[in-house]
Amino acid sequence: MGHEYGATTGRPRKCGWLDLVVIKYTHMLNDLTSINLTKLDVLTGIPYIKIAVAYKYKGQLLESMPSDLNVLSDIEIVYQTMEGWTEDITHCTHFQ
């Protein structure tokens, strides 16, 4: 729906849910003051939207992004599920 393709290969990309753990980690590293979410309109009509709010490893909630790749490869993502929307937001300026 979002027409996402790899810049080099041209292969179709799969898109995932918003991961707030990664955003929080990125903020810690880069001291971001804002983010730009694009293409939210392609989510129109999806009954629910999932947002990653935490990671669990072996049943334990992690305090932050794991630095160990072996841990990262074995995490469980904790999602918050929110209602989607049906109205067309293509030209919405409410959040600008």
Protein backbone atom coordinates (compact mmCIF):
# COMPACT_ATOMS: atom_id res chain seq x y z
CA MET A 1 0.00 0.00 0.00
CA GLY A 2 2.88 2.38 0.77
CA HIS A 3 4.82 1.43 -2.38
CA GLU A 4 8.03 0.76 -0.43
CA TYR A 5 10.90 -0.65 -2.48
CA GLY A 6 14.61 -1.05 -1.83
CA ALA A 7 16.65 1.81 -3.31
CA THR A 8 19.39 -0.49 -4.58
CA THR A 9 17.63 -3.76 -5.34
CA GLY A 10 14.14 -2.51 -6.15
CA ARG A 11 12.70 -5.37 -4.10
CA PRO A 12 9.42 -4.75 -2.27
CA ARG A 13 9.94 -3.91 1.42
CA LYS A 14 7.92 -5.19 4.31
CA CYS A 15 7.02 -2.56 6.86
CA GLY A 16 6.53 -3.22 10.54
CA TRP A 17 4.84 -1.56 13.46
CA LEU A 18 6.26 1.51 15.18
CA ASP A 19 8.90 0.46 17.72
CA LEU A 20 9.09 2.98 20.58
CA VAL A 21 11.96 1.05 22.21
CA VAL A 22 14.14 1.76 19.16
CA ILE A 23 13.00 5.39 19.09
CA LYS A 24 13.83 5.81 22.78
CA TYR A 25 17.28 4.27 22.20
CA THR A 26 17.86 6.49 19.16
CA HIS A 27 16.89 9.53 21.21
CA MET A 28 19.41 8.54 23.89
CA LEU A 29 22.19 8.24 21.31
CA ASN A 30 21.34 11.28 19.21
CA ASP A 31 19.46 13.65 21.53
CA LEU A 32 16.58 14.05 19.09
CA THR A 33 14.18 16.93 19.60
CA SER A 34 11.55 15.74 17.12
CA ILE A 35 10.70 12.93 14.71
CA ASN A 36 8.92 12.90 11.37
CA LEU A 37 6.41 10.10 10.85
CA THR A 38 5.47 9.76 7.20
CA LYS A 39 2.96 7.70 5.25
CA LEU A 40 0.52 7.31 8.14
CA ASP A 41 -2.24 7.50 5.53
CA VAL A 42 -1.37 4.01 4.28
CA LEU A 43 -2.60 2.62 7.61
CA THR A 44 -6.15 3.84 6.87
CA GLY A 45 -8.62 0.97 7.01
CA ILE A 46 -6.49 -1.31 9.17
CA PRO A 47 -8.72 -2.27 12.12
CA TYR A 48 -5.95 -2.01 14.70
CA ILE A 49 -2.46 -0.54 14.97
CA LYS A 50 0.23 -2.15 17.11
CA ILE A 51 3.00 -0.16 18.78
CA ALA A 52 6.03 -1.85 20.34
CA VAL A 53 6.33 -0.42 23.86
CA ALA A 54 8.79 -2.84 25.52
CA TYR A 55 10.94 -5.94 25.08
CA LYS A 56 10.96 -9.10 27.20
CA TYR A 57 13.81 -11.55 27.41
CA LYS A 58 13.17 -14.92 29.04
CA GLY A 59 10.05 -13.50 30.67
CA GLN A 60 11.81 -10.46 32.14
CA LEU A 61 10.91 -6.96 31.03
CA LEU A 62 14.03 -5.19 29.75
CA GLU A 63 14.78 -1.68 30.98
CA SER A 64 16.31 -0.62 27.66
CA MET A 65 17.53 -1.80 24.28
CA PRO A 66 19.80 -4.85 24.72
CA SER A 67 23.38 -4.43 23.55
CA ASP A 68 23.91 -8.17 23.15
CA LEU A 69 22.82 -9.35 19.68
CA ASN A 70 22.10 -12.83 21.02
CA VAL A 71 19.64 -11.33 23.50
CA LEU A 72 18.15 -9.08 20.83
CA SER A 73 17.56 -12.04 18.52
CA ASP A 74 15.58 -13.82 21.25
CA ILE A 75 13.38 -11.04 22.62
CA GLU A 76 9.61 -10.97 22.78
CA ILE A 77 8.12 -7.67 21.68
CA VAL A 78 5.42 -6.20 23.92
CA TYR A 79 2.82 -4.38 21.85
CA GLN A 80 0.11 -1.92 22.77
CA THR A 81 -2.81 -2.33 20.40
CA MET A 82 -4.81 0.72 19.42
CA GLU A 83 -7.88 1.20 17.28
CA GLY A 84 -7.26 2.06 13.65
CA TRP A 85 -9.23 4.58 11.62
CA THR A 86 -11.30 4.56 8.46
CA GLU A 87 -11.34 8.22 7.45
CA ASP A 88 -9.00 9.41 4.72
CA ILE A 89 -6.11 11.33 6.35
CA THR A 90 -4.13 11.84 3.13
CA HIS A 91 -4.43 15.61 3.29
CA CYS A 92 -4.77 16.00 7.06
CA THR A 93 -2.91 19.01 8.42
CA HIS A 94 -4.08 18.57 12.02
CA PHE A 95 -0.71 17.31 13.27
CA GLN A 96 1.57 19.74 11.45
